[in-house]
Amino acid sequence: MRTNALVLSFNASARRLLPNRWDFIAFPLILSLIAMGVVGYHQTMAPISVLKTQAVSLAPAMLPEYALRTVLRMLVAMLVSLAFTLVYGTLAAKSRRAEKVLVPVLDILQSVPVLGYVSFTVTFFIALFPGRVIGAEFAAIFAIFTSQAWNMTFSFYQSLRTIPRDLQEVSRNFQLTGWQRFWKLEVPFSLPGLIWNMMMSMSGGWFFVVASEAITVGNRTIALPGIGSYLAMAIEQRNLASVGYVVLVMALVILAYDQLLFRPLVAWADKFRLENTAAASAPESWLLDLIHRTRLITRLLSPLGWGLATLARAPVPSLTLPRVRAQRLVKASSRLVDIAWGLCILLSTVYLVYRVGSYVRTGVGLPEVGRVFVLGLITLLRVLVLVAIASAVWVPLG
């Protein structure tokens, strides 16, 4: 009897590890994702001379490969933007003194055009990896990063500033460390808004794909294979058929990553939404439902989920003083530190203004500054008109 019970138990365990029909549907998607990463890595590590021998072609058959490479760049830039958001947004939201510097700096950074970053970062990245495509790839990824990160960071910063007091009190009652509170309260609370802003940032990155993939260094132009360089060449040659092809491929690519990436994320993050009333219709994702129905893939992913959950629960000690001592020190020195910090900011601002003024006076001239100021006002007028038109069109539709 005991032997039969062991055999039945073994058969049941083995049956739970066998793939079901949903696994056979999901496996090709996972293998395609792995193949994308391998191909992208192989092409990135190639010598830069490959870009000359394999120039960008307007053949429609090359568009799938170009689309793959562009999407990989945008996804890598999105991951870097997410890491930047978590660090920068947390520091700006948690430190009152750092907030006075980081938020204005972030506002200035998002106002700088992407081409402004490309002009002084391309040489750095190419010199960092001489003779390799990866240098130009990093320059392109950084340009896309500058079109994605600022919007995400402001969203995360605002979410951290609006966490309800009762939730913060609960986290203190549970004696969560700063690390545990970050992953158990702050990140989940900000996820719904952050994911929607990631979608907006990903879409905004398409506007700068041309500038990021057609890179000019001195008298040399480096065209990375991708949707952007394809579109730039099609526009240069006035090939309307190729422009139509690339617009169609872009629409298909946007639809693909919406269904395969953002829809599952939105549906998954909906459980973290804090509302008094339930939504009329909860977001759904066929891909997320497919993964939940799989048997073998769910088993294979469970150790990863367990590891991430354990990492989030790790009792990483906070770098804080004992409460009584900390309160005495804070009361005694907070005002003094605020004055010193404000003085440092004031002196740094005066020094920067002086340096900028010296450069303008000796290297540019006041007439040129006035001309740039007028051009900036014209650009501002165009932006305001565009915002008004977009608001009149999309607010009623939304």
Protein backbone atom coordinates (compact mmCIF):
# COMPACT_ATOMS: atom_id res chain seq x y z
CA MET A 1 0.00 0.00 0.00
CA ARG A 2 2.81 2.37 0.90
CA THR A 3 4.56 1.64 -2.40
CA ASN A 4 1.38 2.35 -4.36
CA ALA A 5 0.90 5.61 -2.48
CA LEU A 6 4.47 6.67 -3.28
CA VAL A 7 3.99 5.80 -6.96
CA LEU A 8 0.74 7.77 -7.12
CA SER A 9 2.35 10.72 -5.37
CA PHE A 10 5.30 10.63 -7.79
CA ASN A 11 2.99 10.43 -10.79
CA ALA A 12 0.97 13.38 -9.53
CA SER A 13 4.14 15.44 -9.00
CA ALA A 14 5.46 14.53 -12.43
CA ARG A 15 2.10 15.40 -14.00
CA ARG A 16 2.24 18.86 -12.46
CA LEU A 17 5.58 19.45 -14.20
CA LEU A 18 4.32 18.42 -17.62
CA PRO A 19 3.41 21.29 -19.93
CA ASN A 20 -0.24 21.83 -20.82
CA ARG A 21 -1.65 23.29 -24.02
CA TRP A 22 -1.20 26.85 -22.74
CA ASP A 23 2.51 26.20 -22.26
CA PHE A 24 2.85 25.24 -25.92
CA ILE A 25 1.25 28.58 -26.86
CA ALA A 26 3.41 30.66 -24.50
CA PHE A 27 6.74 28.95 -25.18
CA PRO A 28 7.17 30.42 -28.71
CA LEU A 29 6.65 33.92 -27.29
CA ILE A 30 9.32 33.36 -24.64
CA LEU A 31 11.75 31.83 -27.14
CA SER A 32 11.20 34.78 -29.48
CA LEU A 33 12.02 37.18 -26.65
CA ILE A 34 15.24 35.30 -25.87
CA ALA A 35 16.18 35.24 -29.57
CA MET A 36 15.63 39.01 -29.79
CA GLY A 37 18.05 39.57 -26.93
CA VAL A 38 20.70 37.25 -28.37
CA VAL A 39 20.52 38.79 -31.84
CA GLY A 40 20.61 42.30 -30.43
CA TYR A 41 23.66 41.52 -28.28
CA HIS A 42 25.51 39.92 -31.22
CA GLN A 43 24.87 42.93 -33.47
CA THR A 44 25.79 45.42 -30.75
CA MET A 45 29.22 43.89 -30.17
CA ALA A 46 30.13 43.93 -33.88
CA PRO A 47 32.93 46.22 -35.19
CA ILE A 48 31.77 49.66 -36.23
CA SER A 49 33.05 49.00 -39.76
CA VAL A 50 30.01 46.75 -40.20
CA LEU A 51 27.85 49.87 -40.43
CA LYS A 52 29.72 50.86 -43.61
CA THR A 53 29.61 47.45 -45.27
CA GLN A 54 25.97 46.89 -44.31
CA ALA A 55 24.49 50.29 -45.02
CA VAL A 56 20.83 51.06 -44.37
CA SER A 57 18.67 49.81 -47.24
CA LEU A 58 15.20 50.98 -48.24
CA ALA A 59 14.17 47.45 -49.18
CA PRO A 60 10.86 46.69 -47.41
CA ALA A 61 12.19 43.22 -46.54
CA MET A 62 14.70 44.83 -44.14
CA LEU A 63 12.02 46.57 -42.09
CA PRO A 64 11.35 43.66 -39.67
CA GLU A 65 15.04 43.57 -38.69
CA TYR A 66 15.19 47.35 -38.36
CA ALA A 67 12.04 47.35 -36.26
CA LEU A 68 13.53 44.70 -33.98
CA ARG A 69 16.69 46.73 -33.38
CA THR A 70 14.78 49.95 -32.74
CA VAL A 71 12.45 48.27 -30.25
CA LEU A 72 15.42 46.75 -28.40
CA ARG A 73 17.00 50.20 -28.07
CA MET A 74 13.76 51.66 -26.78
CA LEU A 75 13.27 48.84 -24.26
CA VAL A 76 16.83 49.18 -22.94
CA ALA A 77 16.30 52.94 -22.64
CA MET A 78 13.05 52.24 -20.78
CA LEU A 79 14.83 49.99 -18.27
CA VAL A 80 17.51 52.63 -17.69
CA SER A 81 14.81 55.28 -17.32
CA LEU A 82 13.01 53.12 -14.77
CA ALA A 83 16.17 52.69 -12.69
CA PHE A 84 16.84 56.43 -12.90
CA THR A 85 13.24 57.15 -11.87
CA LEU A 86 13.38 54.97 -8.77
CA VAL A 87 16.62 56.52 -7.54
CA TYR A 88 16.15 60.16 -8.52
CA GLY A 89 12.44 60.34 -7.67
CA THR A 90 12.97 58.73 -4.28
CA LEU A 91 15.80 61.08 -3.37
CA ALA A 92 13.78 64.14 -4.44
CA ALA A 93 10.70 63.00 -2.50
CA LYS A 94 12.44 61.84 0.67
CA SER A 95 14.94 64.65 1.18
CA ARG A 96 13.52 68.12 1.69
CA ARG A 97 16.90 69.71 1.01
CA ALA A 98 17.66 67.63 -2.07
CA GLU A 99 14.19 68.43 -3.40
CA LYS A 100 15.10 72.12 -3.65
CA VAL A 101 17.83 71.22 -6.15
CA LEU A 102 16.69 68.04 -7.87
CA VAL A 103 13.20 69.15 -8.90
CA PRO A 104 14.33 72.38 -10.64
CA VAL A 105 17.21 70.50 -12.28
CA LEU A 106 14.79 67.88 -13.54
CA ASP A 107 12.52 70.59 -14.91
CA ILE A 108 15.47 72.12 -16.76
CA LEU A 109 16.63 68.76 -18.10
CA GLN A 110 13.23 67.94 -19.58
CA SER A 111 13.22 71.32 -21.35
CA VAL A 112 16.49 70.64 -23.20
CA PRO A 113 15.86 69.25 -26.71
CA VAL A 114 17.12 65.74 -27.42
CA LEU A 115 19.51 67.07 -30.05
CA GLY A 116 21.14 69.14 -27.32
CA TYR A 117 22.11 65.96 -25.47
CA VAL A 118 23.19 64.13 -28.61
CA SER A 119 25.61 66.91 -29.57
CA PHE A 120 27.89 66.38 -26.55
CA THR A 121 27.30 62.73 -25.60
CA VAL A 122 27.97 61.01 -28.93
CA THR A 123 31.71 61.65 -28.83
CA PHE A 124 31.93 60.43 -25.24
CA PHE A 125 30.17 57.10 -25.87
CA ILE A 126 32.04 56.40 -29.11
CA ALA A 127 35.36 57.14 -27.39
CA LEU A 128 34.33 54.88 -24.51
CA PHE A 129 34.00 51.89 -26.88
CA PRO A 130 36.34 52.68 -29.80
CA GLY A 131 35.84 50.65 -32.95
CA ARG A 132 32.62 49.00 -31.71
CA VAL A 133 28.98 49.47 -32.60
CA ILE A 134 28.12 49.44 -28.91
CA GLY A 135 29.45 53.00 -28.54
CA ALA A 136 27.01 54.35 -31.13
CA GLU A 137 24.28 52.13 -29.64
CA PHE A 138 24.82 53.67 -26.20
CA ALA A 139 24.62 57.14 -27.72
CA ALA A 140 21.31 56.26 -29.38
CA ILE A 141 19.97 54.67 -26.20
CA PHE A 142 20.95 57.75 -24.17
CA ALA A 143 19.14 60.01 -26.64
CA ILE A 144 15.99 57.88 -26.28
CA PHE A 145 16.48 57.85 -22.51
CA THR A 146 16.32 61.66 -22.43
CA SER A 147 12.90 61.49 -24.11
CA GLN A 148 11.52 58.99 -21.58
CA ALA A 149 13.03 59.51 -18.13
CA TRP A 150 11.80 62.96 -17.10
CA ASN A 151 8.10 62.22 -17.44
CA MET A 152 8.43 58.97 -15.50
CA THR A 153 10.47 60.61 -12.75
CA PHE A 154 7.94 63.39 -12.17
CA SER A 155 5.14 60.80 -11.97
CA PHE A 156 6.99 58.69 -9.41
CA TYR A 157 8.01 61.75 -7.38
CA GLN A 158 4.42 62.99 -7.24
CA SER A 159 3.14 59.54 -6.21
CA LEU A 160 5.61 59.37 -3.34
CA ARG A 161 4.51 62.80 -2.16
CA THR A 162 0.83 61.81 -2.11
CA ILE A 163 0.96 58.52 -0.19
CA PRO A 164 -1.88 58.65 2.39
CA ARG A 165 -0.83 59.21 5.98
CA ASP A 166 -2.77 56.19 7.24
CA LEU A 167 -0.73 53.87 4.98
CA GLN A 168 2.50 55.44 6.21
CA GLU A 169 1.32 54.94 9.78
CA VAL A 170 0.55 51.28 9.09
CA SER A 171 4.06 50.75 7.70
CA ARG A 172 5.53 52.30 10.86
CA ASN A 173 3.34 50.14 13.08
CA PHE A 174 4.65 47.07 11.28
CA GLN A 175 8.17 48.40 11.91
CA LEU A 176 9.16 48.15 8.25
CA THR A 177 12.63 49.32 7.38
CA GLY A 178 13.10 51.95 4.72
CA TRP A 179 13.95 49.22 2.19
CA GLN A 180 10.85 47.19 3.02
CA ARG A 181 8.59 50.26 3.00
CA PHE A 182 9.96 51.24 -0.41
CA TRP A 183 9.08 47.89 -2.04
CA LYS A 184 5.97 47.07 0.01
CA LEU A 185 4.26 50.46 0.06
CA GLU A 186 5.83 53.19 -2.06
CA VAL A 187 6.52 51.33 -5.30
CA PRO A 188 3.16 49.48 -5.35
CA PHE A 189 1.29 52.71 -4.60
CA SER A 190 2.99 54.49 -7.51
CA LEU A 191 2.85 51.61 -10.01
CA PRO A 192 -0.50 52.36 -11.74
CA GLY A 193 0.46 55.94 -12.55
CA LEU A 194 4.05 55.02 -13.33
CA ILE A 195 3.06 52.37 -15.88
CA TRP A 196 0.75 54.76 -17.69
CA ASN A 197 3.57 57.30 -17.83
CA MET A 198 5.89 54.58 -19.14
CA MET A 199 3.45 54.06 -21.99
CA MET A 200 3.49 57.78 -22.74
CA SER A 201 7.28 57.90 -22.55
CA MET A 202 7.61 54.91 -24.87
CA SER A 203 5.34 56.59 -27.39
CA GLY A 204 7.21 59.87 -27.02
CA GLY A 205 10.47 58.10 -27.80
CA TRP A 206 9.28 57.46 -31.36
CA PHE A 207 9.51 61.19 -32.10
CA PHE A 208 13.26 61.12 -31.46
CA VAL A 209 14.15 57.83 -33.12
CA VAL A 210 15.39 59.59 -36.26
CA ALA A 211 17.70 61.87 -34.26
CA SER A 212 19.00 58.97 -32.16
CA GLU A 213 19.77 56.51 -34.98
CA ALA A 214 21.28 58.92 -37.52
CA ILE A 215 24.26 60.24 -35.52
CA THR A 216 26.67 62.88 -36.82
CA VAL A 217 30.19 63.08 -35.36
CA GLY A 218 32.22 65.85 -36.99
CA ASN A 219 32.08 65.24 -40.72
CA ARG A 220 31.02 61.62 -40.33
CA THR A 221 27.44 60.34 -40.07
CA ILE A 222 26.78 57.01 -38.36
CA ALA A 223 23.48 55.44 -39.38
CA LEU A 224 22.45 52.66 -37.02
CA PRO A 225 20.12 50.13 -38.68
CA GLY A 226 16.64 50.88 -37.42
CA ILE A 227 13.28 52.47 -38.10
CA GLY A 228 14.66 55.96 -37.53
CA SER A 229 17.56 55.71 -39.96
CA TYR A 230 15.27 54.05 -42.51
CA LEU A 231 12.80 56.92 -42.22
CA ALA A 232 15.59 59.52 -42.42
CA MET A 233 16.91 57.99 -45.64
CA ALA A 234 13.40 57.71 -47.10
CA ILE A 235 12.76 61.39 -46.38
CA GLU A 236 16.16 62.38 -47.78
CA GLN A 237 15.47 60.50 -51.03
CA ARG A 238 11.82 61.63 -51.07
CA ASN A 239 10.68 58.04 -51.35
CA LEU A 240 7.02 58.27 -50.33
CA ALA A 241 6.45 54.53 -50.74
CA SER A 242 9.17 53.78 -48.17
CA VAL A 243 7.70 56.39 -45.81
CA GLY A 244 4.36 54.60 -46.09
CA TYR A 245 6.00 51.23 -45.38
CA VAL A 246 7.76 52.54 -42.27
CA VAL A 247 4.59 54.17 -40.92
CA LEU A 248 2.76 50.86 -41.33
CA VAL A 249 5.53 48.93 -39.57
CA MET A 250 5.60 51.47 -36.73
CA ALA A 251 1.86 51.03 -36.23
CA LEU A 252 2.26 47.24 -36.10
CA VAL A 253 5.18 47.48 -33.67
CA ILE A 254 3.26 49.82 -31.34
CA LEU A 255 0.30 47.46 -31.40
CA ALA A 256 2.60 44.51 -30.65
CA TYR A 257 4.35 45.96 -27.60
CA ASP A 258 1.04 47.35 -26.35
CA GLN A 259 -0.44 43.85 -26.30
CA LEU A 260 2.71 42.00 -25.22
CA LEU A 261 4.10 44.43 -22.65
CA PHE A 262 1.95 47.30 -21.47
CA ARG A 263 -1.47 45.65 -21.40
CA PRO A 264 -0.20 42.87 -19.09
CA LEU A 265 1.52 45.45 -16.90
CA VAL A 266 -1.61 47.62 -16.65
CA ALA A 267 -3.77 44.59 -15.83
CA TRP A 268 -1.29 43.35 -13.22
CA ALA A 269 -0.80 46.77 -11.59
CA ASP A 270 -4.53 47.39 -11.26
CA LYS A 271 -4.53 45.42 -8.00
CA PHE A 272 -2.38 48.15 -6.44
CA ARG A 273 -4.82 50.92 -7.30
CA LEU A 274 -6.16 52.70 -4.21
CA GLU A 275 -9.77 53.74 -4.76
CA ASN A 276 -12.88 53.93 -2.61
CA THR A 277 -15.06 52.53 -5.37
CA ALA A 278 -14.31 49.73 -7.81
CA ALA A 279 -13.69 50.58 -11.45
CA ALA A 280 -16.52 50.01 -13.91
CA SER A 281 -14.39 47.54 -15.85
CA ALA A 282 -11.07 46.14 -14.68
CA PRO A 283 -8.28 46.10 -17.31
CA GLU A 284 -7.67 42.71 -18.86
CA SER A 285 -4.80 41.13 -20.77
CA TRP A 286 -4.99 37.96 -22.82
CA LEU A 287 -1.24 37.43 -22.37
CA LEU A 288 -1.44 37.68 -18.59
CA ASP A 289 -4.36 35.23 -18.58
CA LEU A 290 -2.31 32.92 -20.81
CA ILE A 291 0.66 32.95 -18.42
CA HIS A 292 -1.64 32.25 -15.45
CA ARG A 293 -3.08 29.21 -17.23
CA THR A 294 0.28 27.67 -18.03
CA ARG A 295 1.58 24.88 -15.85
CA LEU A 296 5.29 24.42 -16.57
CA ILE A 297 6.07 28.10 -17.17
CA THR A 298 4.36 29.05 -13.90
CA ARG A 299 6.49 26.45 -12.10
CA LEU A 300 9.66 27.76 -13.75
CA LEU A 301 8.86 31.37 -12.88
CA SER A 302 7.91 30.71 -9.27
CA PRO A 303 11.56 30.66 -8.00
CA LEU A 304 12.10 34.06 -9.60
CA GLY A 305 9.00 35.46 -7.92
CA TRP A 306 10.04 33.95 -4.60
CA GLY A 307 13.50 35.47 -4.92
CA LEU A 308 12.17 38.95 -5.68
CA ALA A 309 9.68 38.74 -2.80
CA THR A 310 12.44 37.63 -0.43
CA LEU A 311 14.64 40.51 -1.59
CA ALA A 312 11.82 42.99 -0.98
CA ARG A 313 11.31 41.59 2.55
CA ALA A 314 15.03 41.66 3.37
CA PRO A 315 15.53 43.48 6.69
CA VAL A 316 18.01 45.99 5.30
CA PRO A 317 18.68 48.35 8.23
CA SER A 318 17.90 52.01 7.75
CA LEU A 319 20.74 54.44 8.27
CA THR A 320 19.01 56.30 11.11
CA LEU A 321 19.94 57.22 14.64
CA PRO A 322 17.98 56.01 17.68
CA ARG A 323 14.71 57.92 17.90
CA VAL A 324 15.28 59.91 21.10
CA ARG A 325 18.79 60.92 20.17
CA ALA A 326 17.77 61.69 16.60
CA GLN A 327 14.95 63.99 17.76
CA ARG A 328 17.29 65.99 19.96
CA LEU A 329 19.87 66.33 17.20
CA VAL A 330 17.28 67.27 14.59
CA LYS A 331 15.75 69.99 16.77
CA ALA A 332 19.17 71.41 17.56
CA SER A 333 20.69 71.37 14.07
CA SER A 334 17.88 71.36 11.53
CA ARG A 335 17.62 75.13 11.20
CA LEU A 336 21.39 75.52 11.04
CA VAL A 337 21.69 72.89 8.32
CA ASP A 338 18.84 74.51 6.35
CA ILE A 339 20.62 77.86 6.45
CA ALA A 340 23.93 76.32 5.37
CA TRP A 341 22.25 74.35 2.58
CA GLY A 342 20.38 77.40 1.31
CA LEU A 343 23.61 79.40 1.36
CA CYS A 344 25.38 76.71 -0.68
CA ILE A 345 22.59 76.72 -3.26
CA LEU A 346 22.67 80.53 -3.46
CA LEU A 347 26.45 80.67 -3.91
CA SER A 348 26.37 77.91 -6.53
CA THR A 349 23.63 79.73 -8.44
CA VAL A 350 25.54 83.03 -8.34
CA TYR A 351 28.70 81.28 -9.57
CA LEU A 352 26.86 79.60 -12.46
CA VAL A 353 25.23 82.86 -13.47
CA TYR A 354 28.63 84.55 -13.40
CA ARG A 355 30.21 81.83 -15.55
CA VAL A 356 27.37 81.94 -18.06
CA GLY A 357 27.53 85.72 -18.19
CA SER A 358 31.29 85.65 -18.77
CA TYR A 359 30.91 83.15 -21.59
CA VAL A 360 28.14 85.18 -23.23
CA ARG A 361 30.10 88.41 -22.93
CA THR A 362 33.34 87.02 -24.39
CA GLY A 363 32.26 84.21 -26.71
CA VAL A 364 28.73 84.90 -27.93
CA GLY A 365 27.74 88.53 -27.58
CA LEU A 366 24.53 90.17 -26.41
CA PRO A 367 23.01 90.54 -29.94
CA GLU A 368 23.19 86.77 -30.41
CA VAL A 369 21.58 86.24 -26.99
CA GLY A 370 18.75 88.55 -27.96
CA ARG A 371 18.27 86.67 -31.23
CA VAL A 372 18.14 83.32 -29.41
CA PHE A 373 15.67 84.79 -26.91
CA VAL A 374 13.35 85.90 -29.73
CA LEU A 375 13.62 82.48 -31.40
CA GLY A 376 12.79 80.89 -28.07
CA LEU A 377 9.65 83.00 -27.77
CA ILE A 378 8.61 81.91 -31.28
CA THR A 379 9.14 78.27 -30.30
CA LEU A 380 7.14 78.83 -27.11
CA LEU A 381 4.29 80.28 -29.16
CA ARG A 382 4.28 77.21 -31.42
CA VAL A 383 4.24 74.91 -28.39
CA LEU A 384 1.34 76.78 -26.79
CA VAL A 385 -0.67 76.62 -30.02
CA LEU A 386 0.05 72.91 -30.32
CA VAL A 387 -0.97 72.26 -26.69
CA ALA A 388 -4.22 74.16 -27.24
CA ILE A 389 -5.03 72.20 -30.41
CA ALA A 390 -4.12 68.86 -28.81
CA SER A 391 -6.22 69.66 -25.74
CA ALA A 392 -9.20 70.67 -27.87
CA VAL A 393 -8.98 67.41 -29.84
CA TRP A 394 -8.01 64.79 -27.28
CA VAL A 395 -9.62 65.94 -24.02
CA PRO A 396 -13.16 65.39 -25.38
CA LEU A 397 -12.12 62.06 -26.88
CA GLY A 398 -10.47 60.93 -23.63
